[in-house]
Structure formats: structure tokens, C-alpha cells
């Protein structure tokens, strides 16, 4: 199993400070030190592809791992090209609460914001 750390400043996923803080808080609630935030792209949604964010303790061959203030973010080798340059943020306002993904690779997205093409 090969896990490749992605230390480049361009090309990988970016996790904002607000998102990293929220992920840390959620990981503390889980109480498992070996969990990491996995970001994946799966077929589905009304635009063809959808994002999945979940905690995972697996290490898959070809995983790309980046550290953001002590939070490991992992993408599998199939999802990584779709996520190159994407920024994950956490928004907590009157109008919206949750994680958002700003992806320069998405040419179209749906109104719900959960899927893209």
C-alpha cells in the first residue's frame, strides 16, 4: 500500500482554517485518533458526479494525503484529478451551515450544490 503525501501548494485539495477547526471538533466527538477526513467523488446526483465527505481510518493504495493544522485530508487516486484545486470551507451563518466545496474543475453544478459535472 502506497500513501503519497501531497505537499504541493497548487493542485491538491485546500482545507480552510474554519473547515479544519470544524473537522477537529467533529473528530474529538468521534473519539478515534486514527480517523481522517476522506474526500471522494462518486457518480450520481443530478449533474453526474457528487462529493462525499466522511471520516475514514483506511489507507488505500494511491491515496493522496495532506495535513491542514493537524487534520489529515485524504483523496483516492480516482477522485484526486476532480478535486485538484478545490477548496473546502465550513460556513456557519443564518442562511447556511455546513461544508462547502469550491471546485474550479466543476463546469456545471446543480441548485442543491451537492453534485457537479
PDB file of N, CA and C in Angstrom:
ATOM      1  N   UNK A   1       0.834  -1.177   0.000  1.00  0.00           N
ATOM      2  CA  UNK A   1       0.000   0.000   0.000  1.00  0.00           C
ATOM      3  C   UNK A   1       0.880   1.242   0.000  1.00  0.00           C
ATOM      4  N   UNK A   2       0.678   2.119  -0.946  1.00  0.00           N
ATOM      5  CA  UNK A   2       1.476   3.327  -1.045  1.00  0.00           C
ATOM      6  C   UNK A   2       0.590   4.530  -0.761  1.00  0.00           C
ATOM      7  N   UNK A   3       0.963   5.311   0.231  1.00  0.00           N
ATOM      8  CA  UNK A   3       0.265   6.548   0.533  1.00  0.00           C
ATOM      9  C   UNK A   3       1.228   7.667   0.210  1.00  0.00           C
ATOM     10  N   UNK A   4       0.815   8.532  -0.701  1.00  0.00           N
ATOM     11  CA  UNK A   4       1.692   9.597  -1.148  1.00  0.00           C
ATOM     12  C   UNK A   4       1.268  10.920  -0.521  1.00  0.00           C
ATOM     13  N   UNK A   5       2.127  11.520   0.311  1.00  0.00           N
ATOM     14  CA  UNK A   5       1.783  12.825   0.835  1.00  0.00           C
ATOM     15  C   UNK A   5       1.856  13.875  -0.262  1.00  0.00           C
ATOM     16  N   UNK A   6       0.877  14.724  -0.320  1.00  0.00           N
ATOM     17  CA  UNK A   6       0.854  15.804  -1.310  1.00  0.00           C
ATOM     18  C   UNK A   6       1.275  17.075  -0.593  1.00  0.00           C
ATOM     19  N   UNK A   7       2.477  17.514  -0.866  1.00  0.00           N
ATOM     20  CA  UNK A   7       3.000  18.688  -0.177  1.00  0.00           C
ATOM     21  C   UNK A   7       3.028  19.911  -1.067  1.00  0.00           C
ATOM     22  N   UNK A   8       2.435  19.819  -2.243  1.00  0.00           N
ATOM     23  CA  UNK A   8       2.444  20.961  -3.146  1.00  0.00           C
ATOM     24  C   UNK A   8       1.428  21.996  -2.697  1.00  0.00           C
ATOM     25  N   UNK A   9       1.687  23.235  -3.019  1.00  0.00           N
ATOM     26  CA  UNK A   9       0.737  24.280  -2.675  1.00  0.00           C
ATOM     27  C   UNK A   9      -0.315  24.440  -3.754  1.00  0.00           C
ATOM     28  N   UNK A  10      -0.035  23.950  -4.953  1.00  0.00           N
ATOM     29  CA  UNK A  10      -1.008  24.010  -6.028  1.00  0.00           C
ATOM     30  C   UNK A  10      -1.419  22.590  -6.385  1.00  0.00           C
ATOM     31  N   UNK A  11      -2.639  22.441  -6.853  1.00  0.00           N
ATOM     32  CA  UNK A  11      -3.054  21.163  -7.381  1.00  0.00           C
ATOM     33  C   UNK A  11      -3.837  20.291  -6.440  1.00  0.00           C
ATOM     34  N   UNK A  12      -3.591  20.323  -5.155  1.00  0.00           N
ATOM     35  CA  UNK A  12      -4.300  19.468  -4.223  1.00  0.00           C
ATOM     36  C   UNK A  12      -5.543  20.137  -3.681  1.00  0.00           C
ATOM     37  N   UNK A  13      -6.156  19.449  -2.744  1.00  0.00           N
ATOM     38  CA  UNK A  13      -7.314  19.982  -2.029  1.00  0.00           C
ATOM     39  C   UNK A  13      -6.820  20.996  -1.003  1.00  0.00           C
ATOM     40  N   UNK A  14      -7.591  22.040  -0.792  1.00  0.00           N
ATOM     41  CA  UNK A  14      -7.281  23.036   0.233  1.00  0.00           C
ATOM     42  C   UNK A  14      -8.394  23.005   1.273  1.00  0.00           C
ATOM     43  N   UNK A  15      -8.025  22.922   2.534  1.00  0.00           N
ATOM     44  CA  UNK A  15      -8.967  22.964   3.643  1.00  0.00           C
ATOM     45  C   UNK A  15      -8.748  24.288   4.367  1.00  0.00           C
ATOM     46  N   UNK A  16      -9.783  25.124   4.435  1.00  0.00           N
ATOM     47  CA  UNK A  16      -9.635  26.417   5.100  1.00  0.00           C
ATOM     48  C   UNK A  16      -9.470  26.211   6.604  1.00  0.00           C
ATOM     49  N   UNK A  17      -9.024  27.261   7.287  1.00  0.00           N
ATOM     50  CA  UNK A  17      -8.873  27.189   8.742  1.00  0.00           C
ATOM     51  C   UNK A  17     -10.204  26.897   9.423  1.00  0.00           C
ATOM     52  N   UNK A  18     -11.284  27.502   8.920  1.00  0.00           N
ATOM     53  CA  UNK A  18     -12.609  27.269   9.512  1.00  0.00           C
ATOM     54  C   UNK A  18     -13.025  25.813   9.350  1.00  0.00           C
ATOM     55  N   UNK A  19     -12.758  25.245   8.187  1.00  0.00           N
ATOM     56  CA  UNK A  19     -13.112  23.844   7.943  1.00  0.00           C
ATOM     57  C   UNK A  19     -12.237  22.926   8.797  1.00  0.00           C
ATOM     58  N   UNK A  20     -10.946  23.219   8.884  1.00  0.00           N
ATOM     59  CA  UNK A  20     -10.046  22.398   9.699  1.00  0.00           C
ATOM     60  C   UNK A  20     -10.477  22.411  11.158  1.00  0.00           C
ATOM     61  N   UNK A  21     -10.876  23.566  11.653  1.00  0.00           N
ATOM     62  CA  UNK A  21     -11.339  23.687  13.034  1.00  0.00           C
ATOM     63  C   UNK A  21     -12.599  22.857  13.271  1.00  0.00           C
ATOM     64  N   UNK A  22     -13.537  22.905  12.333  1.00  0.00           N
ATOM     65  CA  UNK A  22     -14.776  22.127  12.462  1.00  0.00           C
ATOM     66  C   UNK A  22     -14.480  20.631  12.389  1.00  0.00           C
ATOM     67  N   UNK A  23     -13.606  20.223  11.481  1.00  0.00           N
ATOM     68  CA  UNK A  23     -13.251  18.804  11.371  1.00  0.00           C
ATOM     69  C   UNK A  23     -12.598  18.328  12.667  1.00  0.00           C
ATOM     70  N   UNK A  24     -11.692  19.133  13.239  1.00  0.00           N
ATOM     71  CA  UNK A  24     -11.061  18.773  14.518  1.00  0.00           C
ATOM     72  C   UNK A  24     -12.108  18.569  15.595  1.00  0.00           C
ATOM     73  N   UNK A  25     -13.068  19.472  15.657  1.00  0.00           N
ATOM     74  CA  UNK A  25     -14.137  19.376  16.650  1.00  0.00           C
ATOM     75  C   UNK A  25     -14.950  18.092  16.461  1.00  0.00           C
ATOM     76  N   UNK A  26     -15.285  17.775  15.231  1.00  0.00           N
ATOM     77  CA  UNK A  26     -16.054  16.561  14.949  1.00  0.00           C
ATOM     78  C   UNK A  26     -15.240  15.306  15.257  1.00  0.00           C
ATOM     79  N   UNK A  27     -13.944  15.335  14.965  1.00  0.00           N
ATOM     80  CA  UNK A  27     -13.087  14.190  15.272  1.00  0.00           C
ATOM     81  C   UNK A  27     -12.976  13.964  16.775  1.00  0.00           C
ATOM     82  N   UNK A  28     -12.909  15.058  17.544  1.00  0.00           N
ATOM     83  CA  UNK A  28     -12.868  14.935  19.001  1.00  0.00           C
ATOM     84  C   UNK A  28     -14.141  14.281  19.517  1.00  0.00           C
ATOM     85  N   UNK A  29     -15.286  14.611  18.917  1.00  0.00           N
ATOM     86  CA  UNK A  29     -16.553  13.999  19.312  1.00  0.00           C
ATOM     87  C   UNK A  29     -16.565  12.505  18.990  1.00  0.00           C
ATOM     88  N   UNK A  30     -15.923  12.118  17.886  1.00  0.00           N
ATOM     89  CA  UNK A  30     -15.858  10.708  17.495  1.00  0.00           C
ATOM     90  C   UNK A  30     -14.990   9.905  18.465  1.00  0.00           C
ATOM     91  N   UNK A  31     -13.970  10.550  19.004  1.00  0.00           N
ATOM     92  CA  UNK A  31     -13.112   9.896  19.982  1.00  0.00           C
ATOM     93  C   UNK A  31     -12.182   8.840  19.416  1.00  0.00           C
ATOM     94  N   UNK A  32     -11.911   8.877  18.118  1.00  0.00           N
ATOM     95  CA  UNK A  32     -10.991   7.931  17.499  1.00  0.00           C
ATOM     96  C   UNK A  32      -9.847   8.710  16.870  1.00  0.00           C
ATOM     97  N   UNK A  33      -8.649   8.468  17.337  1.00  0.00           N
ATOM     98  CA  UNK A  33      -7.487   9.230  16.887  1.00  0.00           C
ATOM     99  C   UNK A  33      -7.032   8.857  15.476  1.00  0.00           C
ATOM    100  N   UNK A  34      -7.440   7.702  14.971  1.00  0.00           N
ATOM    101  CA  UNK A  34      -6.936   7.247  13.673  1.00  0.00           C
ATOM    102  C   UNK A  34      -7.818   7.651  12.493  1.00  0.00           C
ATOM    103  N   UNK A  35      -8.841   8.450  12.716  1.00  0.00           N
ATOM    104  CA  UNK A  35      -9.737   8.866  11.632  1.00  0.00           C
ATOM    105  C   UNK A  35      -9.171  10.059  10.884  1.00  0.00           C
ATOM    106  N   UNK A  36      -9.436  10.087   9.580  1.00  0.00           N
ATOM    107  CA  UNK A  36      -9.041  11.201   8.725  1.00  0.00           C
ATOM    108  C   UNK A  36     -10.249  11.603   7.887  1.00  0.00           C
ATOM    109  N   UNK A  37     -10.240  12.813   7.372  1.00  0.00           N
ATOM    110  CA  UNK A  37     -11.314  13.272   6.502  1.00  0.00           C
ATOM    111  C   UNK A  37     -11.025  12.791   5.088  1.00  0.00           C
ATOM    112  N   UNK A  38     -11.905  11.941   4.577  1.00  0.00           N
ATOM    113  CA  UNK A  38     -11.762  11.461   3.205  1.00  0.00           C
ATOM    114  C   UNK A  38     -12.723  12.251   2.325  1.00  0.00           C
ATOM    115  N   UNK A  39     -12.210  12.755   1.216  1.00  0.00           N
ATOM    116  CA  UNK A  39     -12.999  13.475   0.226  1.00  0.00           C
ATOM    117  C   UNK A  39     -12.982  12.628  -1.034  1.00  0.00           C
ATOM    118  N   UNK A  40     -14.169  12.300  -1.529  1.00  0.00           N
ATOM    119  CA  UNK A  40     -14.257  11.443  -2.704  1.00  0.00           C
ATOM    120  C   UNK A  40     -15.260  12.017  -3.689  1.00  0.00           C
ATOM    121  N   UNK A  41     -15.097  11.617  -4.929  1.00  0.00           N
ATOM    122  CA  UNK A  41     -16.040  11.966  -5.984  1.00  0.00           C
ATOM    123  C   UNK A  41     -16.645  10.655  -6.465  1.00  0.00           C
ATOM    124  N   UNK A  42     -17.979  10.605  -6.471  1.00  0.00           N
ATOM    125  CA  UNK A  42     -18.700   9.394  -6.860  1.00  0.00           C
ATOM    126  C   UNK A  42     -19.695   9.732  -7.963  1.00  0.00           C
ATOM    127  N   UNK A  43     -20.009   8.767  -8.825  1.00  0.00           N
ATOM    128  CA  UNK A  43     -21.073   9.004  -9.808  1.00  0.00           C
ATOM    129  C   UNK A  43     -22.401   9.212  -9.087  1.00  0.00           C
ATOM    130  N   UNK A  44     -23.207  10.118  -9.606  1.00  0.00           N
ATOM    131  CA  UNK A  44     -24.528  10.344  -9.021  1.00  0.00           C
ATOM    132  C   UNK A  44     -24.891  11.808  -8.993  1.00  0.00           C
ATOM    133  N   UNK A  45     -26.020  12.090  -8.391  1.00  0.00           N
ATOM    134  CA  UNK A  45     -26.505  13.457  -8.331  1.00  0.00           C
ATOM    135  C   UNK A  45     -27.098  13.874  -9.658  1.00  0.00           C
ATOM    136  N   UNK A  46     -27.712  15.018  -9.679  1.00  0.00           N
ATOM    137  CA  UNK A  46     -28.393  15.466 -10.897  1.00  0.00           C
ATOM    138  C   UNK A  46     -27.420  16.009 -11.946  1.00  0.00           C
ATOM    139  N   UNK A  47     -26.159  16.268 -11.575  1.00  0.00           N
ATOM    140  CA  UNK A  47     -25.189  16.776 -12.553  1.00  0.00           C
ATOM    141  C   UNK A  47     -24.158  15.746 -12.977  1.00  0.00           C
ATOM    142  N   UNK A  48     -24.237  14.530 -12.470  1.00  0.00           N
ATOM    143  CA  UNK A  48     -23.344  13.468 -12.922  1.00  0.00           C
ATOM    144  C   UNK A  48     -22.354  12.976 -11.888  1.00  0.00           C
ATOM    145  N   UNK A  49     -21.797  13.866 -11.076  1.00  0.00           N
ATOM    146  CA  UNK A  49     -20.842  13.496 -10.036  1.00  0.00           C
ATOM    147  C   UNK A  49     -21.250  14.175  -8.735  1.00  0.00           C
ATOM    148  N   UNK A  50     -20.929  13.530  -7.622  1.00  0.00           N
ATOM    149  CA  UNK A  50     -21.239  14.155  -6.333  1.00  0.00           C
ATOM    150  C   UNK A  50     -20.070  13.962  -5.378  1.00  0.00           C
ATOM    151  N   UNK A  51     -19.979  14.881  -4.434  1.00  0.00           N
ATOM    152  CA  UNK A  51     -18.925  14.835  -3.430  1.00  0.00           C
ATOM    153  C   UNK A  51     -19.361  13.961  -2.269  1.00  0.00           C
ATOM    154  N   UNK A  52     -18.388  13.309  -1.654  1.00  0.00           N
ATOM    155  CA  UNK A  52     -18.619  12.611  -0.402  1.00  0.00           C
ATOM    156  C   UNK A  52     -17.522  13.038   0.561  1.00  0.00           C
ATOM    157  N   UNK A  53     -17.928  13.450   1.745  1.00  0.00           N
ATOM    158  CA  UNK A  53     -17.008  13.779   2.830  1.00  0.00           C
ATOM    159  C   UNK A  53     -17.347  12.853   3.979  1.00  0.00           C
ATOM    160  N   UNK A  54     -16.359  12.111   4.469  1.00  0.00           N
ATOM    161  CA  UNK A  54     -16.621  11.224   5.593  1.00  0.00           C
ATOM    162  C   UNK A  54     -15.317  10.910   6.307  1.00  0.00           C
ATOM    163  N   UNK A  55     -15.443  10.459   7.554  1.00  0.00           N
ATOM    164  CA  UNK A  55     -14.275  10.066   8.321  1.00  0.00           C
ATOM    165  C   UNK A  55     -13.935   8.624   7.979  1.00  0.00           C
ATOM    166  N   UNK A  56     -12.643   8.369   7.841  1.00  0.00           N
ATOM    167  CA  UNK A  56     -12.200   7.057   7.390  1.00  0.00           C
ATOM    168  C   UNK A  56     -10.885   6.705   8.083  1.00  0.00           C
ATOM    169  N   UNK A  57     -10.725   5.445   8.421  1.00  0.00           N
ATOM    170  CA  UNK A  57      -9.466   5.003   9.009  1.00  0.00           C
ATOM    171  C   UNK A  57      -8.656   4.149   8.033  1.00  0.00           C
ATOM    172  N   UNK A  58      -9.164   3.962   6.829  1.00  0.00           N
ATOM    173  CA  UNK A  58      -8.479   3.133   5.836  1.00  0.00           C
ATOM    174  C   UNK A  58      -7.366   3.902   5.129  1.00  0.00           C
ATOM    175  N   UNK A  59      -6.390   3.152   4.648  1.00  0.00           N
ATOM    176  CA  UNK A  59      -5.364   3.689   3.767  1.00  0.00           C
ATOM    177  C   UNK A  59      -5.420   2.867   2.497  1.00  0.00           C
ATOM    178  N   UNK A  60      -5.768   3.501   1.403  1.00  0.00           N
ATOM    179  CA  UNK A  60      -5.883   2.825   0.125  1.00  0.00           C
ATOM    180  C   UNK A  60      -4.653   3.103  -0.722  1.00  0.00           C
ATOM    181  N   UNK A  61      -4.304   2.158  -1.559  1.00  0.00           N
ATOM    182  CA  UNK A  61      -3.158   2.352  -2.436  1.00  0.00           C
ATOM    183  C   UNK A  61      -3.402   3.563  -3.337  1.00  0.00           C
ATOM    184  N   UNK A  62      -2.430   4.447  -3.400  1.00  0.00           N
ATOM    185  CA  UNK A  62      -2.537   5.638  -4.226  1.00  0.00           C
ATOM    186  C   UNK A  62      -3.193   6.824  -3.550  1.00  0.00           C
ATOM    187  N   UNK A  63      -3.596   6.686  -2.276  1.00  0.00           N
ATOM    188  CA  UNK A  63      -4.190   7.813  -1.556  1.00  0.00           C
ATOM    189  C   UNK A  63      -3.248   9.008  -1.553  1.00  0.00           C
ATOM    190  N   UNK A  64      -3.828  10.179  -1.678  1.00  0.00           N
ATOM    191  CA  UNK A  64      -3.083  11.422  -1.549  1.00  0.00           C
ATOM    192  C   UNK A  64      -3.506  12.040  -0.227  1.00  0.00           C
ATOM    193  N   UNK A  65      -2.544  12.309   0.634  1.00  0.00           N
ATOM    194  CA  UNK A  65      -2.813  12.795   1.988  1.00  0.00           C
ATOM    195  C   UNK A  65      -2.178  14.167   2.160  1.00  0.00           C
ATOM    196  N   UNK A  66      -2.964  15.101   2.684  1.00  0.00           N
ATOM    197  CA  UNK A  66      -2.435  16.432   3.021  1.00  0.00           C
ATOM    198  C   UNK A  66      -2.813  16.752   4.447  1.00  0.00           C
ATOM    199  N   UNK A  67      -1.938  17.443   5.133  1.00  0.00           N
ATOM    200  CA  UNK A  67      -2.171  17.839   6.517  1.00  0.00           C
ATOM    201  C   UNK A  67      -2.512  19.320   6.566  1.00  0.00           C
ATOM    202  N   UNK A  68      -3.585  19.635   7.271  1.00  0.00           N
ATOM    203  CA  UNK A  68      -4.009  21.029   7.472  1.00  0.00           C
ATOM    204  C   UNK A  68      -4.197  21.250   8.964  1.00  0.00           C
ATOM    205  N   UNK A  69      -3.235  21.887   9.583  1.00  0.00           N
ATOM    206  CA  UNK A  69      -3.303  22.197  11.014  1.00  0.00           C
ATOM    207  C   UNK A  69      -3.635  20.964  11.853  1.00  0.00           C
ATOM    208  N   UNK A  70      -3.009  19.845  11.521  1.00  0.00           N
ATOM    209  CA  UNK A  70      -3.231  18.618  12.277  1.00  0.00           C
ATOM    210  C   UNK A  70      -4.388  17.768  11.798  1.00  0.00           C
ATOM    211  N   UNK A  71      -5.059  18.186  10.742  1.00  0.00           N
ATOM    212  CA  UNK A  71      -6.159  17.416  10.162  1.00  0.00           C
ATOM    213  C   UNK A  71      -5.674  16.812   8.850  1.00  0.00           C
ATOM    214  N   UNK A  72      -5.693  15.477   8.774  1.00  0.00           N
ATOM    215  CA  UNK A  72      -5.328  14.816   7.528  1.00  0.00           C
ATOM    216  C   UNK A  72      -6.534  14.750   6.607  1.00  0.00           C
ATOM    217  N   UNK A  73      -6.346  15.196   5.376  1.00  0.00           N
ATOM    218  CA  UNK A  73      -7.375  15.126   4.340  1.00  0.00           C
ATOM    219  C   UNK A  73      -6.867  14.149   3.285  1.00  0.00           C
ATOM    220  N   UNK A  74      -7.706  13.174   2.954  1.00  0.00           N
ATOM    221  CA  UNK A  74      -7.313  12.096   2.060  1.00  0.00           C
ATOM    222  C   UNK A  74      -8.224  12.078   0.841  1.00  0.00           C
ATOM    223  N   UNK A  75      -7.623  11.863  -0.320  1.00  0.00           N
ATOM    224  CA  UNK A  75      -8.389  11.658  -1.557  1.00  0.00           C
ATOM    225  C   UNK A  75      -7.816  10.431  -2.247  1.00  0.00           C
ATOM    226  N   UNK A  76      -8.693   9.589  -2.772  1.00  0.00           N
ATOM    227  CA  UNK A  76      -8.208   8.421  -3.506  1.00  0.00           C
ATOM    228  C   UNK A  76      -7.716   8.863  -4.878  1.00  0.00           C
ATOM    229  N   UNK A  77      -6.958   8.002  -5.520  1.00  0.00           N
ATOM    230  CA  UNK A  77      -6.322   8.382  -6.785  1.00  0.00           C
ATOM    231  C   UNK A  77      -7.315   8.631  -7.909  1.00  0.00           C
ATOM    232  N   UNK A  78      -8.514   8.051  -7.841  1.00  0.00           N
ATOM    233  CA  UNK A  78      -9.523   8.285  -8.873  1.00  0.00           C
ATOM    234  C   UNK A  78     -10.212   9.639  -8.679  1.00  0.00           C
ATOM    235  N   UNK A  79     -10.383  10.051  -7.422  1.00  0.00           N
ATOM    236  CA  UNK A  79     -11.053  11.316  -7.128  1.00  0.00           C
ATOM    237  C   UNK A  79     -10.128  12.514  -7.243  1.00  0.00           C
ATOM    238  N   UNK A  80      -8.855  12.310  -6.998  1.00  0.00           N
ATOM    239  CA  UNK A  80      -7.891  13.416  -6.932  1.00  0.00           C
ATOM    240  C   UNK A  80      -7.917  14.352  -8.136  1.00  0.00           C
ATOM    241  N   UNK A  81      -7.965  13.851  -9.382  1.00  0.00           N
ATOM    242  CA  UNK A  81      -7.986  14.792 -10.518  1.00  0.00           C
ATOM    243  C   UNK A  81      -9.217  15.701 -10.517  1.00  0.00           C
ATOM    244  N   UNK A  82     -10.348  15.197 -10.056  1.00  0.00           N
ATOM    245  CA  UNK A  82     -11.567  16.009  -9.999  1.00  0.00           C
ATOM    246  C   UNK A  82     -11.500  17.054  -8.890  1.00  0.00           C
ATOM    247  N   UNK A  83     -10.655  16.822  -7.894  1.00  0.00           N
ATOM    248  CA  UNK A  83     -10.580  17.695  -6.724  1.00  0.00           C
ATOM    249  C   UNK A  83      -9.382  18.628  -6.737  1.00  0.00           C
ATOM    250  N   UNK A  84      -8.567  18.554  -7.774  1.00  0.00           N
ATOM    251  CA  UNK A  84      -7.374  19.375  -7.843  1.00  0.00           C
ATOM    252  C   UNK A  84      -7.731  20.858  -7.809  1.00  0.00           C
ATOM    253  N   UNK A  85      -7.241  21.555  -6.804  1.00  0.00           N
ATOM    254  CA  UNK A  85      -7.507  22.983  -6.656  1.00  0.00           C
ATOM    255  C   UNK A  85      -8.793  23.308  -5.920  1.00  0.00           C
ATOM    256  N   UNK A  86      -9.543  22.291  -5.496  1.00  0.00           N
ATOM    257  CA  UNK A  86     -10.810  22.530  -4.788  1.00  0.00           C
ATOM    258  C   UNK A  86     -10.543  23.014  -3.367  1.00  0.00           C
ATOM    259  N   UNK A  87     -11.370  23.941  -2.909  1.00  0.00           N
ATOM    260  CA  UNK A  87     -11.271  24.473  -1.552  1.00  0.00           C
ATOM    261  C   UNK A  87     -12.486  24.047  -0.750  1.00  0.00           C
ATOM    262  N   UNK A  88     -12.219  23.415   0.393  1.00  0.00           N
ATOM    263  CA  UNK A  88     -13.294  23.007   1.303  1.00  0.00           C
ATOM    264  C   UNK A  88     -13.336  24.012   2.433  1.00  0.00           C
ATOM    265  N   UNK A  89     -14.517  24.561   2.669  1.00  0.00           N
ATOM    266  CA  UNK A  89     -14.706  25.560   3.711  1.00  0.00           C
ATOM    267  C   UNK A  89     -15.862  25.116   4.600  1.00  0.00           C
ATOM    268  N   UNK A  90     -15.963  25.719   5.774  1.00  0.00           N
ATOM    269  CA  UNK A  90     -17.114  25.493   6.635  1.00  0.00           C
ATOM    270  C   UNK A  90     -17.787  26.834   6.860  1.00  0.00           C
ATOM    271  N   UNK A  91     -19.078  26.887   6.551  1.00  0.00           N
ATOM    272  CA  UNK A  91     -19.854  28.116   6.671  1.00  0.00           C
ATOM    273  C   UNK A  91     -20.848  27.945   7.819  1.00  0.00           C
ATOM    274  N   UNK A  92     -20.928  28.933   8.671  1.00  0.00           N
ATOM    275  CA  UNK A  92     -21.889  28.910   9.773  1.00  0.00           C
ATOM    276  C   UNK A  92     -22.533  30.292   9.861  1.00  0.00           C
ATOM    277  N   UNK A  93     -23.642  30.444   9.135  1.00  0.00           N
ATOM    278  CA  UNK A  93     -24.343  31.726   9.104  1.00  0.00           C
ATOM    279  C   UNK A  93     -25.839  31.480   9.257  1.00  0.00           C
ATOM    280  N   UNK A  94     -26.603  32.535   9.273  1.00  0.00           N
ATOM    281  CA  UNK A  94     -28.057  32.422   9.370  1.00  0.00           C
ATOM    282  C   UNK A  94     -28.614  31.694   8.154  1.00  0.00           C
ATOM    283  N   UNK A  95     -28.029  31.941   6.996  1.00  0.00           N
ATOM    284  CA  UNK A  95     -28.543  31.377   5.756  1.00  0.00           C
ATOM    285  C   UNK A  95     -28.064  29.959   5.478  1.00  0.00           C
ATOM    286  N   UNK A  96     -26.888  29.588   5.996  1.00  0.00           N
ATOM    287  CA  UNK A  96     -26.318  28.300   5.639  1.00  0.00           C
ATOM    288  C   UNK A  96     -25.385  27.809   6.737  1.00  0.00           C
ATOM    289  N   UNK A  97     -25.377  26.492   6.956  1.00  0.00           N
ATOM    290  CA  UNK A  97     -24.407  25.891   7.850  1.00  0.00           C
ATOM    291  C   UNK A  97     -23.950  24.575   7.244  1.00  0.00           C
ATOM    292  N   UNK A  98     -22.657  24.401   7.157  1.00  0.00           N
ATOM    293  CA  UNK A  98     -22.118  23.154   6.647  1.00  0.00           C
ATOM    294  C   UNK A  98     -20.869  23.370   5.821  1.00  0.00           C
ATOM    295  N   UNK A  99     -20.358  22.260   5.311  1.00  0.00           N
ATOM    296  CA  UNK A  99     -19.171  22.303   4.478  1.00  0.00           C
ATOM    297  C   UNK A  99     -19.543  22.687   3.056  1.00  0.00           C
ATOM    298  N   UNK A 100     -18.717  23.501   2.442  1.00  0.00           N
ATOM    299  CA  UNK A 100     -18.906  23.883   1.046  1.00  0.00           C
ATOM    300  C   UNK A 100     -17.626  23.526   0.286  1.00  0.00           C
ATOM    301  N   UNK A 101     -17.786  23.229  -0.991  1.00  0.00           N
ATOM    302  CA  UNK A 101     -16.635  22.919  -1.833  1.00  0.00           C
ATOM    303  C   UNK A 101     -16.666  23.835  -3.039  1.00  0.00           C
ATOM    304  N   UNK A 102     -15.610  24.625  -3.174  1.00  0.00           N
ATOM    305  CA  UNK A 102     -15.436  25.491  -4.340  1.00  0.00           C
ATOM    306  C   UNK A 102     -14.439  24.782  -5.247  1.00  0.00           C
ATOM    307  N   UNK A 103     -14.936  24.263  -6.370  1.00  0.00           N
ATOM    308  CA  UNK A 103     -14.122  23.431  -7.233  1.00  0.00           C
ATOM    309  C   UNK A 103     -13.976  24.082  -8.610  1.00  0.00           C
ATOM    310  N   UNK A 104     -12.757  24.490  -8.965  1.00  0.00           N
ATOM    311  CA  UNK A 104     -12.552  25.117 -10.278  1.00  0.00           C
ATOM    312  C   UNK A 104     -12.734  24.133 -11.443  1.00  0.00           C
ATOM    313  N   UNK A 105     -12.764  22.844 -11.171  1.00  0.00           N
ATOM    314  CA  UNK A 105     -12.938  21.831 -12.211  1.00  0.00           C
ATOM    315  C   UNK A 105     -14.399  21.612 -12.572  1.00  0.00           C
ATOM    316  N   UNK A 106     -15.311  22.088 -11.743  1.00  0.00           N
ATOM    317  CA  UNK A 106     -16.739  21.876 -11.983  1.00  0.00           C
ATOM    318  C   UNK A 106     -17.223  22.846 -13.050  1.00  0.00           C
ATOM    319  N   UNK A 107     -17.687  22.305 -14.172  1.00  0.00           N
ATOM    320  CA  UNK A 107     -18.196  23.154 -15.246  1.00  0.00           C
ATOM    321  C   UNK A 107     -19.668  23.460 -15.064  1.00  0.00           C
ATOM    322  N   UNK A 108     -20.395  22.557 -14.440  1.00  0.00           N
ATOM    323  CA  UNK A 108     -21.812  22.745 -14.130  1.00  0.00           C
ATOM    324  C   UNK A 108     -22.061  22.200 -12.722  1.00  0.00           C
ATOM    325  N   UNK A 109     -23.026  22.771 -12.029  1.00  0.00           N
ATOM    326  CA  UNK A 109     -23.441  22.200 -10.751  1.00  0.00           C
ATOM    327  C   UNK A 109     -24.935  22.356 -10.623  1.00  0.00           C
ATOM    328  N   UNK A 110     -25.500  21.613  -9.686  1.00  0.00           N
ATOM    329  CA  UNK A 110     -26.952  21.672  -9.508  1.00  0.00           C
ATOM    330  C   UNK A 110     -27.298  22.699  -8.445  1.00  0.00           C
ATOM    331  N   UNK A 111     -28.554  22.986  -8.314  1.00  0.00           N
ATOM    332  CA  UNK A 111     -29.013  24.005  -7.368  1.00  0.00           C
ATOM    333  C   UNK A 111     -28.723  23.597  -5.922  1.00  0.00           C
ATOM    334  N   UNK A 112     -28.737  22.300  -5.642  1.00  0.00           N
ATOM    335  CA  UNK A 112     -28.500  21.857  -4.258  1.00  0.00           C
ATOM    336  C   UNK A 112     -27.030  21.966  -3.872  1.00  0.00           C
ATOM    337  N   UNK A 113     -26.135  22.068  -4.867  1.00  0.00           N
ATOM    338  CA  UNK A 113     -24.704  22.211  -4.591  1.00  0.00           C
ATOM    339  C   UNK A 113     -23.998  20.914  -4.242  1.00  0.00           C
ATOM    340  N   UNK A 114     -24.704  19.792  -4.310  1.00  0.00           N
ATOM    341  CA  UNK A 114     -24.102  18.513  -3.946  1.00  0.00           C
ATOM    342  C   UNK A 114     -23.523  17.751  -5.118  1.00  0.00           C
ATOM    343  N   UNK A 115     -23.859  18.154  -6.335  1.00  0.00           N
ATOM    344  CA  UNK A 115     -23.319  17.431  -7.481  1.00  0.00           C
ATOM    345  C   UNK A 115     -22.779  18.415  -8.504  1.00  0.00           C
ATOM    346  N   UNK A 116     -21.924  17.896  -9.380  1.00  0.00           N
ATOM    347  CA  UNK A 116     -21.274  18.750 -10.381  1.00  0.00           C
ATOM    348  C   UNK A 116     -20.914  17.936 -11.599  1.00  0.00           C
ATOM    349  N   UNK A 117     -20.466  18.635 -12.608  1.00  0.00           N
ATOM    350  CA  UNK A 117     -20.004  17.991 -13.844  1.00  0.00           C
ATOM    351  C   UNK A 117     -18.760  18.712 -14.300  1.00  0.00           C
TER     352      UNK A 117
END
